[in-house]
């Protein structure tokens, strides 16, 4: 778990294809956001392949934008 004073962190989230469409990815990203807020992080940055439409769509649905 991250401690106070940590300025950056990295996390990898993976979801098996057979589990898609059940809200599990949404819950995983939501939990990551909640932990980041509690720990005082002000920015989240995600890197994914351009052809990974599933995760790009998830992020857009959550209000994030591509840069």
C-alpha atoms as a PDB file:
ATOM      1  CA  UNK A   1       0.000   0.000   0.000  1.00  0.00           C
ATOM      2  CA  UNK A   2       1.205   3.478  -0.754  1.00  0.00           C
ATOM      3  CA  UNK A   3       2.426   5.662   2.063  1.00  0.00           C
ATOM      4  CA  UNK A   4       2.063   9.377   2.674  1.00  0.00           C
ATOM      5  CA  UNK A   5       4.495  11.500   0.686  1.00  0.00           C
ATOM      6  CA  UNK A   6       4.583   9.171  -2.318  1.00  0.00           C
ATOM      7  CA  UNK A   7       4.233  11.299  -5.443  1.00  0.00           C
ATOM      8  CA  UNK A   8       3.681   8.651  -8.081  1.00  0.00           C
ATOM      9  CA  UNK A   9       2.752   5.025  -8.417  1.00  0.00           C
ATOM     10  CA  UNK A  10       2.068   2.472 -11.129  1.00  0.00           C
ATOM     11  CA  UNK A  11      -0.634  -0.164 -11.307  1.00  0.00           C
ATOM     12  CA  UNK A  12      -1.461  -2.709 -13.976  1.00  0.00           C
ATOM     13  CA  UNK A  13      -5.034  -3.910 -14.299  1.00  0.00           C
ATOM     14  CA  UNK A  14      -5.895  -6.949 -16.376  1.00  0.00           C
ATOM     15  CA  UNK A  15      -9.235  -8.636 -16.914  1.00  0.00           C
ATOM     16  CA  UNK A  16      -9.697 -11.984 -18.638  1.00  0.00           C
ATOM     17  CA  UNK A  17     -11.740 -11.656 -21.805  1.00  0.00           C
ATOM     18  CA  UNK A  18     -14.392 -14.089 -20.568  1.00  0.00           C
ATOM     19  CA  UNK A  19     -15.125 -11.728 -17.649  1.00  0.00           C
ATOM     20  CA  UNK A  20     -15.806  -8.672 -19.787  1.00  0.00           C
ATOM     21  CA  UNK A  21     -19.231  -7.079 -19.763  1.00  0.00           C
ATOM     22  CA  UNK A  22     -19.950  -7.815 -16.106  1.00  0.00           C
ATOM     23  CA  UNK A  23     -18.897  -4.476 -14.576  1.00  0.00           C
ATOM     24  CA  UNK A  24     -15.724  -5.955 -13.117  1.00  0.00           C
ATOM     25  CA  UNK A  25     -13.407  -3.604 -15.054  1.00  0.00           C
ATOM     26  CA  UNK A  26     -15.517  -0.632 -13.960  1.00  0.00           C
ATOM     27  CA  UNK A  27     -15.243  -1.782 -10.331  1.00  0.00           C
ATOM     28  CA  UNK A  28     -11.471  -2.317 -10.608  1.00  0.00           C
ATOM     29  CA  UNK A  29     -10.860   1.156 -12.019  1.00  0.00           C
ATOM     30  CA  UNK A  30     -13.261   2.636  -9.467  1.00  0.00           C
ATOM     31  CA  UNK A  31     -11.327   1.012  -6.628  1.00  0.00           C
ATOM     32  CA  UNK A  32      -8.035   2.309  -8.031  1.00  0.00           C
ATOM     33  CA  UNK A  33      -9.516   5.830  -8.220  1.00  0.00           C
ATOM     34  CA  UNK A  34     -10.795   5.578  -4.633  1.00  0.00           C
ATOM     35  CA  UNK A  35      -7.398   4.462  -3.334  1.00  0.00           C
ATOM     36  CA  UNK A  36      -5.666   7.256  -5.259  1.00  0.00           C
ATOM     37  CA  UNK A  37      -8.021   9.861  -3.765  1.00  0.00           C
ATOM     38  CA  UNK A  38      -7.509   8.593  -0.207  1.00  0.00           C
ATOM     39  CA  UNK A  39      -3.752   8.700  -0.762  1.00  0.00           C
ATOM     40  CA  UNK A  40      -3.895  12.285  -2.057  1.00  0.00           C
ATOM     41  CA  UNK A  41      -3.118  11.686  -5.731  1.00  0.00           C
ATOM     42  CA  UNK A  42      -4.351  14.497  -7.936  1.00  0.00           C
ATOM     43  CA  UNK A  43      -3.803  12.959 -11.374  1.00  0.00           C
ATOM     44  CA  UNK A  44      -4.254   9.562 -12.930  1.00  0.00           C
ATOM     45  CA  UNK A  45      -2.611   8.583 -16.185  1.00  0.00           C
ATOM     46  CA  UNK A  46      -3.418   5.505 -18.214  1.00  0.00           C
ATOM     47  CA  UNK A  47      -1.458   3.972 -21.063  1.00  0.00           C
ATOM     48  CA  UNK A  48      -3.048   1.386 -23.306  1.00  0.00           C
ATOM     49  CA  UNK A  49      -2.744   0.162 -26.868  1.00  0.00           C
ATOM     50  CA  UNK A  50      -4.683   2.266 -29.373  1.00  0.00           C
ATOM     51  CA  UNK A  51      -6.571  -0.807 -30.530  1.00  0.00           C
ATOM     52  CA  UNK A  52      -7.779  -1.680 -27.012  1.00  0.00           C
ATOM     53  CA  UNK A  53     -11.234  -0.232 -27.606  1.00  0.00           C
ATOM     54  CA  UNK A  54     -12.692  -1.970 -24.546  1.00  0.00           C
ATOM     55  CA  UNK A  55     -10.545  -0.101 -22.022  1.00  0.00           C
ATOM     56  CA  UNK A  56     -10.620   3.153 -23.989  1.00  0.00           C
ATOM     57  CA  UNK A  57     -14.426   2.957 -24.013  1.00  0.00           C
ATOM     58  CA  UNK A  58     -14.453   2.219 -20.279  1.00  0.00           C
ATOM     59  CA  UNK A  59     -12.285   5.236 -19.518  1.00  0.00           C
ATOM     60  CA  UNK A  60     -14.387   7.497 -21.742  1.00  0.00           C
ATOM     61  CA  UNK A  61     -17.571   6.256 -20.052  1.00  0.00           C
ATOM     62  CA  UNK A  62     -15.997   7.170 -16.706  1.00  0.00           C
ATOM     63  CA  UNK A  63     -15.394  10.723 -17.929  1.00  0.00           C
ATOM     64  CA  UNK A  64     -11.713  10.516 -18.855  1.00  0.00           C
ATOM     65  CA  UNK A  65     -10.395  11.811 -22.148  1.00  0.00           C
ATOM     66  CA  UNK A  66      -7.620  10.825 -24.521  1.00  0.00           C
ATOM     67  CA  UNK A  67      -4.583  13.056 -24.767  1.00  0.00           C
END
